[in-house]
Amino acid sequence: MTILILGSDVDEHATWMLAHLAQRGADVELFDSRWFPGDMQIAFDPVARTGLLRLPSGRQLDWGQIHSVYWRNYNGLAATALPDAEQAEIAHNDTRSMFETLLLELDSRWVNSFHAFRLHQTKPVQLARVAALGIPVPATCLGNDAESIRSFVALHGECIFKPVQGGAHTQKVTPDLLGDEALSRLAMAPVTIQEKITGDDIRVFVAGDRVLACQIETDALDFRDDPRAKITTCSLPPDVHKQALAIANTLELLWTGIDFRRTPEGRYVFFEANPSPMFIGFEQRTGLPLTESLATLLLC
């Protein structure tokens, strides 16, 4: 049985897992979405629900041979160079439809699934689902309505802002960002505004039913901005351990990195759950068995 890694050969985590699984004797192949349709072929029978995948190497895999997939990155698809813009759009849509059929219909163990990634891309839904579990989340205002944002900041005082889907680090809301000129940029994109939660950053990795946690000590608003952040292993209270498993379950995640902030009063506030977290640096600085935990999910 074969394991696929959806990612690229320049992504550290994809190549790390490729090497680790190969060392363990697994039949593992890299699988880059950008190879399709020019260098990789897919066939699918929707009645029998069987398929074929032919890699650029020429190796052919029946879908039934594929045991599991580690979804590291979906890097989009190769653009079809056609002189006619309408035909190019049709070709792109057909390519996406075919490739995403594989993402939805390949009956393998996905770590994680297409649907789980969609939930992550729509972070307002992720927050709503976790809040519905009774787990604390920051007071949040999402959108592009300037008056709602001003009212929210007036109510909650010190606030932060970040993108709705992600891709940029957290920043502090300052008075100049609430002026007419700054808020006029909401016509270009919505934003996430949240009350500022003070405390210690806690990163929790969930791999199946395994929960591994570490504490990040930093003075930075976003720990990713602090290369000197101190990262150490930590234990979780039993209720937070259960919450981490419940979050993974409700967001359909077999493997995730969950970010909490622990307030000075000991309250754990949920920020987000990443379906493809970076983990190599955390493992190297703490000794947590993250590579092995992920590999076990893909091999079992």
Protein backbone atom coordinates (compact mmCIF):
# COMPACT_ATOMS: atom_id res chain seq x y z
CA MET A 1 0.00 0.00 0.00
CA THR A 2 1.19 3.49 -0.90
CA ILE A 3 1.28 6.74 1.08
CA LEU A 4 1.02 10.02 -0.84
CA ILE A 5 2.32 13.36 0.36
CA LEU A 6 0.42 16.26 -1.17
CA GLY A 7 2.97 19.05 -1.33
CA SER A 8 6.15 20.04 -3.13
CA ASP A 9 9.82 19.10 -3.13
CA VAL A 10 10.77 22.56 -1.81
CA ASP A 11 8.54 22.30 1.27
CA GLU A 12 10.60 21.25 4.31
CA HIS A 13 7.77 19.38 6.03
CA ALA A 14 6.78 17.45 2.89
CA THR A 15 10.34 16.28 2.21
CA TRP A 16 10.92 15.59 5.92
CA MET A 17 7.98 13.19 6.07
CA LEU A 18 8.87 11.68 2.69
CA ALA A 19 12.35 10.80 4.01
CA HIS A 20 11.09 9.61 7.40
CA LEU A 21 8.45 7.29 5.94
CA ALA A 22 10.88 5.92 3.36
CA GLN A 23 13.38 5.22 6.16
CA ARG A 24 10.69 3.21 7.89
CA GLY A 25 10.27 1.11 4.77
CA ALA A 26 6.99 2.64 3.61
CA ASP A 27 6.06 2.93 -0.06
CA VAL A 28 5.70 6.71 -0.23
CA GLU A 29 5.40 9.14 -3.12
CA LEU A 30 5.32 12.93 -3.41
CA PHE A 31 2.19 14.24 -5.08
CA ASP A 32 2.28 17.88 -6.31
CA SER A 33 -1.01 19.31 -7.56
CA ARG A 34 0.89 21.53 -10.01
CA TRP A 35 1.91 18.44 -11.99
CA PHE A 36 -1.67 18.14 -13.21
CA PRO A 37 -2.69 18.07 -16.03
CA GLY A 38 0.58 18.41 -17.96
CA ASP A 39 2.82 15.92 -16.17
CA MET A 40 0.37 13.80 -14.18
CA GLN A 41 -2.72 11.93 -15.32
CA ILE A 42 -5.96 11.06 -13.50
CA ALA A 43 -8.83 8.80 -14.58
CA PHE A 44 -12.07 8.20 -12.65
CA ASP A 45 -15.12 5.96 -13.11
CA PRO A 46 -17.99 7.62 -11.17
CA VAL A 47 -20.19 4.51 -11.31
CA ALA A 48 -17.64 2.00 -10.07
CA ARG A 49 -15.95 4.80 -8.05
CA THR A 50 -12.54 3.58 -9.08
CA GLY A 51 -9.66 5.66 -10.33
CA LEU A 52 -6.14 5.75 -11.65
CA LEU A 53 -3.27 8.11 -10.89
CA ARG A 54 -0.19 8.21 -13.12
CA LEU A 55 2.75 10.13 -11.63
CA PRO A 56 5.35 12.04 -13.68
CA SER A 57 7.77 9.14 -13.11
CA GLY A 58 5.37 6.94 -15.09
CA ARG A 59 4.33 4.97 -12.03
CA GLN A 60 0.65 4.01 -12.12
CA LEU A 61 -1.41 3.75 -8.93
CA ASP A 62 -4.96 2.46 -8.75
CA TRP A 63 -6.84 4.51 -6.18
CA GLY A 64 -7.39 1.34 -4.16
CA GLN A 65 -3.61 1.04 -3.70
CA ILE A 66 -3.39 4.39 -1.89
CA HIS A 67 -3.55 3.77 1.85
CA SER A 68 -3.25 7.35 3.15
CA VAL A 69 -2.48 10.92 2.14
CA TYR A 70 -0.63 13.57 4.16
CA TRP A 71 -2.09 16.89 3.03
CA ARG A 72 0.80 19.24 3.53
CA ASN A 73 -0.08 21.81 0.84
CA TYR A 74 -2.51 22.09 -2.04
CA ASN A 75 -0.44 24.35 -4.27
CA GLY A 76 -3.04 25.03 -6.91
CA LEU A 77 -2.90 23.76 -10.47
CA ALA A 78 -0.78 24.43 -13.53
CA ALA A 79 -2.25 27.12 -15.76
CA THR A 80 -3.22 26.02 -19.25
CA ALA A 81 -1.64 28.34 -21.83
CA LEU A 82 -4.31 29.02 -24.43
CA PRO A 83 -4.61 32.12 -26.62
CA ASP A 84 -8.37 32.36 -26.07
CA ALA A 85 -9.22 33.60 -22.55
CA GLU A 86 -12.61 31.88 -22.48
CA GLN A 87 -11.12 28.54 -23.48
CA ALA A 88 -8.32 28.99 -20.92
CA GLU A 89 -10.93 29.53 -18.20
CA ILE A 90 -12.87 26.44 -19.26
CA ALA A 91 -9.66 24.39 -19.27
CA HIS A 92 -8.72 25.66 -15.80
CA ASN A 93 -12.18 24.89 -14.41
CA ASP A 94 -12.11 21.40 -15.91
CA THR A 95 -8.65 20.80 -14.44
CA ARG A 96 -9.73 21.97 -10.99
CA SER A 97 -12.94 19.93 -11.14
CA MET A 98 -11.05 16.75 -12.05
CA PHE A 99 -8.31 17.21 -9.48
CA GLU A 100 -10.69 18.10 -6.67
CA THR A 101 -12.79 15.05 -7.56
CA LEU A 102 -9.75 13.03 -6.49
CA LEU A 103 -9.48 15.05 -3.27
CA LEU A 104 -13.13 14.28 -2.48
CA GLU A 105 -13.54 10.75 -3.82
CA LEU A 106 -10.23 9.02 -3.06
CA ASP A 107 -11.27 6.62 -0.29
CA SER A 108 -8.04 6.69 1.72
CA ARG A 109 -7.06 7.97 5.16
CA TRP A 110 -6.66 11.71 4.64
CA VAL A 111 -4.51 13.59 7.12
CA ASN A 112 -6.41 15.83 6.69
CA SER A 113 -9.43 15.89 4.39
CA PHE A 114 -10.48 18.50 1.82
CA HIS A 115 -13.48 19.41 3.98
CA ALA A 116 -11.26 19.94 7.04
CA PHE A 117 -9.12 22.36 5.02
CA ARG A 118 -12.21 24.22 3.86
CA LEU A 119 -13.21 24.69 7.50
CA HIS A 120 -9.76 26.14 8.20
CA GLN A 121 -9.99 28.49 5.23
CA THR A 122 -13.31 29.77 6.58
CA LYS A 123 -11.98 30.60 10.04
CA PRO A 124 -15.20 32.35 11.14
CA VAL A 125 -16.91 28.95 10.83
CA GLN A 126 -14.06 27.32 12.76
CA LEU A 127 -14.48 29.82 15.60
CA ALA A 128 -18.25 29.31 15.62
CA ARG A 129 -17.93 25.52 15.82
CA VAL A 130 -15.47 25.67 18.69
CA ALA A 131 -17.54 28.26 20.57
CA ALA A 132 -20.55 25.96 20.20
CA LEU A 133 -18.61 23.36 22.22
CA GLY A 134 -18.57 25.77 25.15
CA ILE A 135 -14.82 26.40 24.77
CA PRO A 136 -13.74 30.02 25.36
CA VAL A 137 -12.87 32.00 22.21
CA PRO A 138 -11.96 35.71 22.05
CA ALA A 139 -14.73 38.24 21.51
CA THR A 140 -14.56 38.73 17.76
CA CYS A 141 -15.86 41.04 15.04
CA LEU A 142 -15.41 39.85 11.45
CA GLY A 143 -16.26 41.77 8.33
CA ASN A 144 -15.83 45.05 6.49
CA ASP A 145 -18.41 47.28 8.19
CA ALA A 146 -16.48 50.23 9.62
CA GLU A 147 -19.07 51.25 12.21
CA SER A 148 -19.32 47.71 13.58
CA ILE A 149 -15.55 47.62 13.98
CA ARG A 150 -15.42 51.00 15.72
CA SER A 151 -18.23 49.96 18.08
CA PHE A 152 -16.50 46.67 18.85
CA VAL A 153 -13.19 48.35 19.73
CA ALA A 154 -14.98 50.96 21.86
CA LEU A 155 -16.65 48.14 23.79
CA HIS A 156 -13.61 45.89 24.26
CA GLY A 157 -10.74 48.37 24.53
CA GLU A 158 -7.39 46.85 23.59
CA CYS A 159 -7.81 44.79 20.41
CA ILE A 160 -5.82 43.03 17.71
CA PHE A 161 -6.45 42.49 14.02
CA LYS A 162 -5.52 39.80 11.54
CA PRO A 163 -6.74 38.44 8.19
CA VAL A 164 -9.98 36.48 8.02
CA GLN A 165 -8.37 33.40 6.43
CA GLY A 166 -4.78 33.89 7.58
CA GLY A 167 -1.48 34.55 5.87
CA ALA A 168 -0.26 37.49 7.97
CA HIS A 169 0.71 37.89 11.60
CA THR A 170 -1.37 39.44 14.36
CA GLN A 171 -1.06 43.20 14.91
CA LYS A 172 -2.37 45.67 17.48
CA VAL A 173 -5.30 47.94 16.65
CA THR A 174 -4.08 51.52 17.06
CA PRO A 175 -6.18 54.73 16.95
CA ASP A 176 -4.94 55.60 13.45
CA LEU A 177 -6.34 52.31 12.15
CA LEU A 178 -9.82 53.41 13.19
CA GLY A 179 -9.77 56.60 11.11
CA ASP A 180 -11.82 57.06 7.96
CA GLU A 181 -8.85 56.69 5.64
CA ALA A 182 -7.67 53.40 7.17
CA LEU A 183 -11.16 51.93 7.41
CA SER A 184 -11.89 52.86 3.80
CA ARG A 185 -9.53 50.00 2.90
CA LEU A 186 -12.21 47.61 4.14
CA ALA A 187 -13.71 48.06 0.68
CA MET A 188 -10.79 45.91 -0.55
CA ALA A 189 -11.01 43.11 2.03
CA PRO A 190 -12.69 42.26 5.35
CA VAL A 191 -10.73 41.80 8.55
CA THR A 192 -10.80 39.96 11.88
CA ILE A 193 -10.83 42.14 15.02
CA GLN A 194 -10.55 40.45 18.43
CA GLU A 195 -10.22 41.47 22.02
CA LYS A 196 -6.60 41.18 23.13
CA ILE A 197 -6.10 38.14 25.39
CA THR A 198 -3.06 38.38 27.65
CA GLY A 199 -1.20 35.32 28.88
CA ASP A 200 1.05 32.50 27.72
CA ASP A 201 0.84 30.88 24.29
CA ILE A 202 0.12 27.17 24.38
CA ARG A 203 0.52 25.04 21.24
CA VAL A 204 -1.26 21.69 21.39
CA PHE A 205 -0.62 19.01 18.76
CA VAL A 206 -3.29 16.37 18.34
CA ALA A 207 -2.48 13.18 16.41
CA GLY A 208 -5.46 10.86 16.55
CA ASP A 209 -6.06 10.35 20.26
CA ARG A 210 -2.58 11.56 21.22
CA VAL A 211 -2.24 15.06 22.70
CA LEU A 212 1.17 16.75 23.00
CA ALA A 213 1.57 20.29 24.33
CA CYS A 214 4.20 22.98 24.71
CA GLN A 215 4.38 26.47 26.16
CA ILE A 216 5.82 29.42 24.25
CA GLU A 217 7.36 32.22 26.28
CA THR A 218 7.63 35.51 24.39
CA ASP A 219 6.92 39.21 24.75
CA ALA A 220 5.83 39.43 21.11
CA LEU A 221 2.17 39.86 20.24
CA ASP A 222 2.56 36.98 17.75
CA PHE A 223 5.14 34.37 18.81
CA ARG A 224 6.07 33.78 15.16
CA ASP A 225 7.69 37.24 15.21
CA ASP A 226 10.09 36.22 17.99
CA PRO A 227 12.96 33.94 16.87
CA ARG A 228 14.14 33.80 20.50
CA ALA A 229 10.86 32.57 21.92
CA LYS A 230 11.43 29.91 24.56
CA ILE A 231 9.49 26.71 23.85
CA THR A 232 9.15 24.00 26.48
CA THR A 233 6.90 21.00 26.96
CA CYS A 234 3.98 21.39 29.32
CA SER A 235 1.09 19.37 30.67
CA LEU A 236 -2.56 20.30 30.19
CA PRO A 237 -5.35 20.27 32.75
CA PRO A 238 -7.63 17.26 32.12
CA ASP A 239 -10.49 19.46 30.88
CA VAL A 240 -8.24 21.22 28.32
CA HIS A 241 -6.89 17.84 27.17
CA LYS A 242 -10.50 16.81 26.48
CA GLN A 243 -11.20 20.14 24.80
CA ALA A 244 -8.28 19.64 22.40
CA LEU A 245 -9.68 16.25 21.34
CA ALA A 246 -13.18 17.73 21.02
CA ILE A 247 -11.86 20.57 18.83
CA ALA A 248 -10.05 18.13 16.55
CA ASN A 249 -13.18 16.00 16.31
CA THR A 250 -15.60 18.83 15.52
CA LEU A 251 -13.22 20.26 12.90
CA GLU A 252 -12.65 16.77 11.39
CA LEU A 253 -8.91 16.87 12.06
CA LEU A 254 -6.83 13.73 12.64
CA TRP A 255 -3.70 15.89 12.88
CA THR A 256 -3.66 19.50 14.02
CA GLY A 257 -1.79 22.21 15.87
CA ILE A 258 -4.17 24.09 18.16
CA ASP A 259 -3.27 27.51 19.52
CA PHE A 260 -4.56 28.50 22.94
CA ARG A 261 -3.66 31.38 25.20
CA ARG A 262 -3.59 30.66 28.93
CA THR A 263 -4.62 33.75 30.88
CA PRO A 264 -3.07 34.67 34.25
CA GLU A 265 -6.24 33.25 35.84
CA GLY A 266 -5.59 29.87 34.19
CA ARG A 267 -8.33 30.13 31.55
CA TYR A 268 -7.50 28.57 28.17
CA VAL A 269 -8.80 30.60 25.22
CA PHE A 270 -8.90 29.03 21.75
CA PHE A 271 -7.41 30.94 18.81
CA GLU A 272 -7.24 28.50 15.91
CA ALA A 273 -6.61 24.93 14.80
CA ASN A 274 -4.26 24.42 11.85
CA PRO A 275 -4.86 21.33 9.67
CA SER A 276 -1.23 21.25 8.47
CA PRO A 277 0.87 22.75 11.24
CA MET A 278 4.60 23.28 11.02
CA PHE A 279 6.09 20.96 13.59
CA ILE A 280 9.78 20.33 12.89
CA GLY A 281 10.98 23.34 14.90
CA PHE A 282 8.70 22.49 17.83
CA GLU A 283 9.99 18.91 17.83
CA GLN A 284 13.65 19.93 17.66
CA ARG A 285 13.27 22.41 20.53
CA THR A 286 11.13 20.27 22.83
CA GLY A 287 11.78 16.63 21.97
CA LEU A 288 8.06 15.99 21.48
CA PRO A 289 7.61 12.94 19.17
CA LEU A 290 5.68 14.83 16.50
CA THR A 291 7.18 13.20 13.40
CA GLU A 292 6.51 9.76 14.80
CA SER A 293 2.97 10.69 15.85
CA LEU A 294 2.15 11.92 12.33
CA ALA A 295 3.81 8.90 10.73
CA THR A 296 1.75 6.55 12.89
CA LEU A 297 -1.46 8.14 11.55
CA LEU A 298 -0.30 7.61 7.97
CA LEU A 299 0.88 4.04 8.51
CA CYS A 300 -1.94 2.63 10.60
